[in-house]
């Protein structure tokens, strides 16, 4: 077995980018209903104006009020291509000692905590995203059971990062997600969005730039985000030589 990897590390790596993908998919789909044909491998999202058909999707598992069940352990027995990513996650769990990813079934309630089935499904889907590289997910509810998929469709791809988009995800995610390590989570998100990042001042400041945006995230003594600054980078426009000459002659 390789050096163990805690589940919290995977969730920190996935959290903010997964949130941005989830918000984007929700905006694209709008009000809709869904239906899936596992044998034909066809997942449809049917809205008032648009219907999106996914023929490349991955079944991860199901969650109800009692437990989460990984797709590879489901007694219905799904076709191997449909559960290939779930199998990949299982193998990762065995290799790196992540029990939550390698045991067939997990209880939804842990101690006094009693999360909703979709919350458990969402967290395990986030871990699967880091491992598989498929970042768009969908949790559909049918007969009280939450069915978790990773889905692929051109409409679900993220647009290039913007200052407003980054600020939205960082500000909302830091407060809403159960992140254990803010430094790791923020740096992972920004670098996965294609930005250049670098820590300064003994990891108290994280600067980032790229794709026309730049900014900095400040952390407090406990490693929590204390301040966020994101802005656009406007390149200086160099005028052609003949335009410069005309401007000078007009003075």
Protein backbone atom coordinates (compact mmCIF):
# COMPACT_ATOMS: atom_id res chain seq x y z
CA UNK A 1 0.00 0.00 0.00
CA UNK A 2 1.24 3.51 -0.81
CA UNK A 3 1.35 6.29 1.77
CA UNK A 4 -2.22 6.82 3.05
CA UNK A 5 -4.21 9.74 1.68
CA UNK A 6 -6.94 11.08 3.98
CA UNK A 7 -10.33 11.71 2.42
CA UNK A 8 -10.20 15.30 3.69
CA UNK A 9 -7.21 15.98 1.43
CA UNK A 10 -9.15 14.84 -1.63
CA UNK A 11 -12.14 16.95 -0.61
CA UNK A 12 -9.91 20.02 -0.15
CA UNK A 13 -8.41 19.48 -3.60
CA UNK A 14 -11.84 19.08 -5.17
CA UNK A 15 -14.09 21.42 -3.20
CA UNK A 16 -13.86 24.80 -4.92
CA UNK A 17 -13.49 23.58 -8.50
CA UNK A 18 -16.33 21.13 -7.96
CA UNK A 19 -18.48 23.97 -6.64
CA UNK A 20 -17.80 26.06 -9.75
CA UNK A 21 -18.71 23.15 -12.00
CA UNK A 22 -21.86 22.48 -9.99
CA UNK A 23 -22.99 26.10 -10.20
CA UNK A 24 -22.31 26.13 -13.94
CA UNK A 25 -24.27 22.93 -14.58
CA UNK A 26 -27.19 24.28 -12.54
CA UNK A 27 -27.21 27.47 -14.59
CA UNK A 28 -27.03 25.57 -17.89
CA UNK A 29 -29.83 23.15 -16.98
CA UNK A 30 -32.20 25.56 -15.26
CA UNK A 31 -35.53 24.05 -14.28
CA UNK A 32 -35.56 20.52 -15.67
CA UNK A 33 -36.36 16.88 -15.15
CA UNK A 34 -34.01 13.97 -15.73
CA UNK A 35 -34.26 10.41 -16.91
CA UNK A 36 -31.67 7.70 -17.41
CA UNK A 37 -31.45 4.46 -19.34
CA UNK A 38 -28.58 2.50 -17.81
CA UNK A 39 -28.65 -0.26 -20.41
CA UNK A 40 -28.57 2.13 -23.35
CA UNK A 41 -26.25 4.44 -21.44
CA UNK A 42 -28.33 7.52 -22.08
CA UNK A 43 -28.87 10.31 -19.53
CA UNK A 44 -31.27 13.13 -20.47
CA UNK A 45 -31.93 16.52 -18.89
CA UNK A 46 -35.21 17.88 -20.22
CA UNK A 47 -36.00 21.56 -19.73
CA UNK A 48 -38.59 23.97 -21.06
CA UNK A 49 -36.26 25.29 -23.79
CA UNK A 50 -33.41 22.80 -24.08
CA UNK A 51 -32.77 19.08 -23.76
CA UNK A 52 -29.27 17.84 -23.07
CA UNK A 53 -28.46 14.22 -23.87
CA UNK A 54 -25.38 12.64 -22.31
CA UNK A 55 -24.22 9.34 -23.76
CA UNK A 56 -20.94 9.49 -21.86
CA UNK A 57 -21.64 9.40 -18.15
CA UNK A 58 -20.42 7.40 -15.16
CA UNK A 59 -22.54 5.92 -12.39
CA UNK A 60 -20.85 6.35 -9.01
CA UNK A 61 -23.40 5.10 -6.53
CA UNK A 62 -26.64 5.71 -4.67
CA UNK A 63 -27.57 7.15 -1.30
CA UNK A 64 -30.75 6.90 0.73
CA UNK A 65 -31.61 7.78 4.32
CA UNK A 66 -29.60 4.80 5.58
CA UNK A 67 -26.47 4.37 3.50
CA UNK A 68 -24.33 5.10 0.46
CA UNK A 69 -23.73 2.15 -1.91
CA UNK A 70 -20.97 2.25 -4.51
CA UNK A 71 -22.11 1.30 -8.03
CA UNK A 72 -19.62 -1.59 -8.29
CA UNK A 73 -21.32 -3.23 -5.29
CA UNK A 74 -24.90 -2.71 -6.47
CA UNK A 75 -26.67 -6.08 -6.71
CA UNK A 76 -28.38 -5.01 -9.96
CA UNK A 77 -25.05 -5.49 -11.71
CA UNK A 78 -24.32 -2.69 -14.19
CA UNK A 79 -22.26 -2.91 -17.39
CA UNK A 80 -18.50 -2.47 -16.79
CA UNK A 81 -18.16 0.76 -18.87
CA UNK A 82 -20.89 2.41 -16.79
CA UNK A 83 -19.10 1.78 -13.49
CA UNK A 84 -15.49 2.00 -14.70
CA UNK A 85 -14.88 5.28 -12.84
CA UNK A 86 -16.41 3.87 -9.64
CA UNK A 87 -14.01 0.93 -9.99
CA UNK A 88 -11.13 3.36 -10.49
CA UNK A 89 -12.10 5.12 -7.27
CA UNK A 90 -12.24 1.78 -5.46
CA UNK A 91 -8.73 0.87 -6.63
CA UNK A 92 -7.46 4.27 -5.49
CA UNK A 93 -9.06 3.67 -2.11
CA UNK A 94 -7.29 0.32 -1.72
CA UNK A 95 -3.94 1.72 -2.88
CA UNK A 96 -3.97 4.77 -0.60
CA UNK A 97 -5.90 3.44 2.36
CA UNK A 98 -9.07 5.51 1.91
CA UNK A 99 -11.67 3.25 3.47
CA UNK A 100 -14.60 5.42 2.38
CA UNK A 101 -13.69 4.74 -1.24
CA UNK A 102 -13.02 1.02 -1.02
CA UNK A 103 -15.80 -0.41 1.18
CA UNK A 104 -19.03 -1.30 -0.58
CA UNK A 105 -21.46 0.54 1.70
CA UNK A 106 -21.20 3.46 4.12
CA UNK A 107 -23.74 4.61 6.72
CA UNK A 108 -25.15 8.06 6.03
CA UNK A 109 -25.35 8.96 9.73
CA UNK A 110 -22.01 9.24 11.54
CA UNK A 111 -22.29 9.78 15.29
CA UNK A 112 -24.52 12.76 15.91
CA UNK A 113 -24.14 13.98 12.35
CA UNK A 114 -27.06 13.13 10.10
CA UNK A 115 -26.42 14.65 6.67
CA UNK A 116 -28.91 14.42 3.84
CA UNK A 117 -28.30 11.66 1.28
CA UNK A 118 -27.45 14.20 -1.45
CA UNK A 119 -24.77 15.72 0.79
CA UNK A 120 -23.05 12.37 1.26
CA UNK A 121 -23.36 11.63 -2.46
CA UNK A 122 -21.92 15.05 -3.28
CA UNK A 123 -18.85 14.59 -1.07
CA UNK A 124 -18.02 11.15 -2.47
CA UNK A 125 -18.58 12.45 -5.99
CA UNK A 126 -16.07 15.23 -5.24
CA UNK A 127 -13.44 12.66 -4.28
CA UNK A 128 -14.17 10.77 -7.49
CA UNK A 129 -13.64 13.95 -9.51
CA UNK A 130 -10.07 14.44 -8.28
CA UNK A 131 -9.24 10.80 -9.00
CA UNK A 132 -10.88 10.55 -12.42
CA UNK A 133 -10.47 14.07 -13.81
CA UNK A 134 -14.20 14.25 -14.69
CA UNK A 135 -15.46 17.37 -12.96
CA UNK A 136 -19.15 17.72 -13.83
CA UNK A 137 -21.52 15.80 -11.59
CA UNK A 138 -25.23 15.34 -11.17
CA UNK A 139 -27.22 13.89 -8.28
CA UNK A 140 -30.73 12.95 -9.30
CA UNK A 141 -33.40 11.87 -6.84
CA UNK A 142 -35.85 9.08 -7.60
CA UNK A 143 -38.12 7.33 -5.06
CA UNK A 144 -36.19 8.87 -2.17
CA UNK A 145 -32.83 7.66 -3.46
CA UNK A 146 -30.09 9.98 -4.67
CA UNK A 147 -28.27 8.64 -7.75
CA UNK A 148 -24.81 10.17 -8.31
CA UNK A 149 -23.26 10.49 -11.77
CA UNK A 150 -20.25 12.12 -13.33
CA UNK A 151 -21.44 13.55 -16.65
CA UNK A 152 -19.71 14.73 -19.80
CA UNK A 153 -21.26 17.19 -22.24
CA UNK A 154 -19.80 20.18 -24.14
CA UNK A 155 -22.34 22.53 -22.56
CA UNK A 156 -21.06 21.64 -19.10
CA UNK A 157 -17.46 22.72 -19.76
CA UNK A 158 -16.40 25.76 -17.76
CA UNK A 159 -15.74 29.04 -19.57
CA UNK A 160 -12.33 30.70 -19.06
CA UNK A 161 -11.87 32.14 -15.55
CA UNK A 162 -12.92 35.72 -14.86
CA UNK A 163 -12.30 37.98 -11.88
CA UNK A 164 -15.99 37.98 -10.98
CA UNK A 165 -16.27 34.21 -11.35
CA UNK A 166 -13.21 33.48 -9.22
CA UNK A 167 -14.33 35.89 -6.52
CA UNK A 168 -17.79 34.32 -6.48
CA UNK A 169 -16.47 30.78 -6.08
CA UNK A 170 -13.83 31.68 -3.49
CA UNK A 171 -16.10 33.83 -1.35
CA UNK A 172 -19.01 31.40 -1.42
CA UNK A 173 -16.97 28.22 -1.19
CA UNK A 174 -14.80 29.23 1.73
CA UNK A 175 -17.92 29.84 3.83
CA UNK A 176 -20.11 27.02 2.56
CA UNK A 177 -17.79 24.03 2.05
CA UNK A 178 -16.37 21.76 4.80
CA UNK A 179 -12.74 22.53 3.94
CA UNK A 180 -10.07 21.28 6.33
CA UNK A 181 -7.09 23.18 4.84
CA UNK A 182 -7.94 26.55 3.29
CA UNK A 183 -4.44 27.07 1.87
CA UNK A 184 -4.48 23.74 0.06
CA UNK A 185 -8.06 24.18 -1.15
CA UNK A 186 -7.51 27.67 -2.58
CA UNK A 187 -4.16 26.88 -4.20
CA UNK A 188 -5.54 23.67 -5.69
CA UNK A 189 -8.53 25.49 -7.17
CA UNK A 190 -6.56 28.35 -8.69
CA UNK A 191 -3.88 26.12 -10.19
CA UNK A 192 -6.48 23.74 -11.65
CA UNK A 193 -8.09 26.78 -13.28
CA UNK A 194 -4.80 27.36 -15.08
CA UNK A 195 -3.49 30.24 -12.96
CA UNK A 196 0.08 30.67 -11.74
CA UNK A 197 0.20 30.65 -7.94
CA UNK A 198 2.86 31.34 -5.35
CA UNK A 199 2.94 31.57 -1.55
CA UNK A 200 4.69 34.51 0.13
CA UNK A 201 5.36 35.68 3.69
CA UNK A 202 5.65 32.22 5.21
CA UNK A 203 2.43 31.03 3.55
CA UNK A 204 0.39 33.97 4.82
CA UNK A 205 -0.21 35.28 1.30
CA UNK A 206 -1.05 33.46 -1.93
CA UNK A 207 -0.66 35.49 -5.11
CA UNK A 208 -2.10 34.31 -8.43
CA UNK A 209 -2.29 35.52 -12.01
CA UNK A 210 -3.20 34.43 -15.53
CA UNK A 211 -6.02 34.54 -18.07
CA UNK A 212 -6.39 38.28 -17.62
CA UNK A 213 -6.94 38.14 -13.86
CA UNK A 214 -4.69 38.57 -10.84
CA UNK A 215 -5.10 38.77 -7.12
CA UNK A 216 -4.05 37.63 -3.70
CA UNK A 217 -5.53 35.64 -0.82
CA UNK A 218 -4.42 36.42 2.73
CA UNK A 219 -4.57 33.80 5.50
CA UNK A 220 -4.70 34.36 9.26
CA UNK A 221 -2.67 32.64 11.97
CA UNK A 222 -5.01 29.63 11.89
CA UNK A 223 -4.66 29.20 8.14
CA UNK A 224 -8.16 30.47 7.43
CA UNK A 225 -8.88 32.92 4.61
CA UNK A 226 -8.78 36.42 6.07
CA UNK A 227 -8.89 38.61 2.96
CA UNK A 228 -9.51 38.17 -0.76
CA UNK A 229 -8.54 40.48 -3.60
CA UNK A 230 -9.32 39.58 -7.22
CA UNK A 231 -9.15 41.92 -10.21
CA UNK A 232 -8.76 42.14 -13.97
CA UNK A 233 -5.42 42.73 -15.66
CA UNK A 234 -5.64 45.29 -18.47
CA UNK A 235 -2.66 45.07 -20.79
CA UNK A 236 -1.16 48.36 -21.95
CA UNK A 237 -2.08 48.89 -25.62
CA UNK A 238 0.90 49.85 -27.80
CA UNK A 239 -0.08 52.20 -30.67
CA UNK A 240 1.39 51.61 -34.15
CA UNK A 241 4.33 53.88 -35.02
CA UNK A 242 2.39 55.86 -37.68
CA UNK A 243 -0.42 56.53 -35.19
CA UNK A 244 2.12 57.82 -32.67
CA UNK A 245 3.57 60.17 -35.30
CA UNK A 246 0.14 61.55 -36.21
CA UNK A 247 -0.66 62.12 -32.56
CA UNK A 248 2.65 63.95 -32.02
CA UNK A 249 2.15 66.19 -35.08
CA UNK A 250 -1.28 67.21 -33.90
CA UNK A 251 0.12 68.67 -30.68
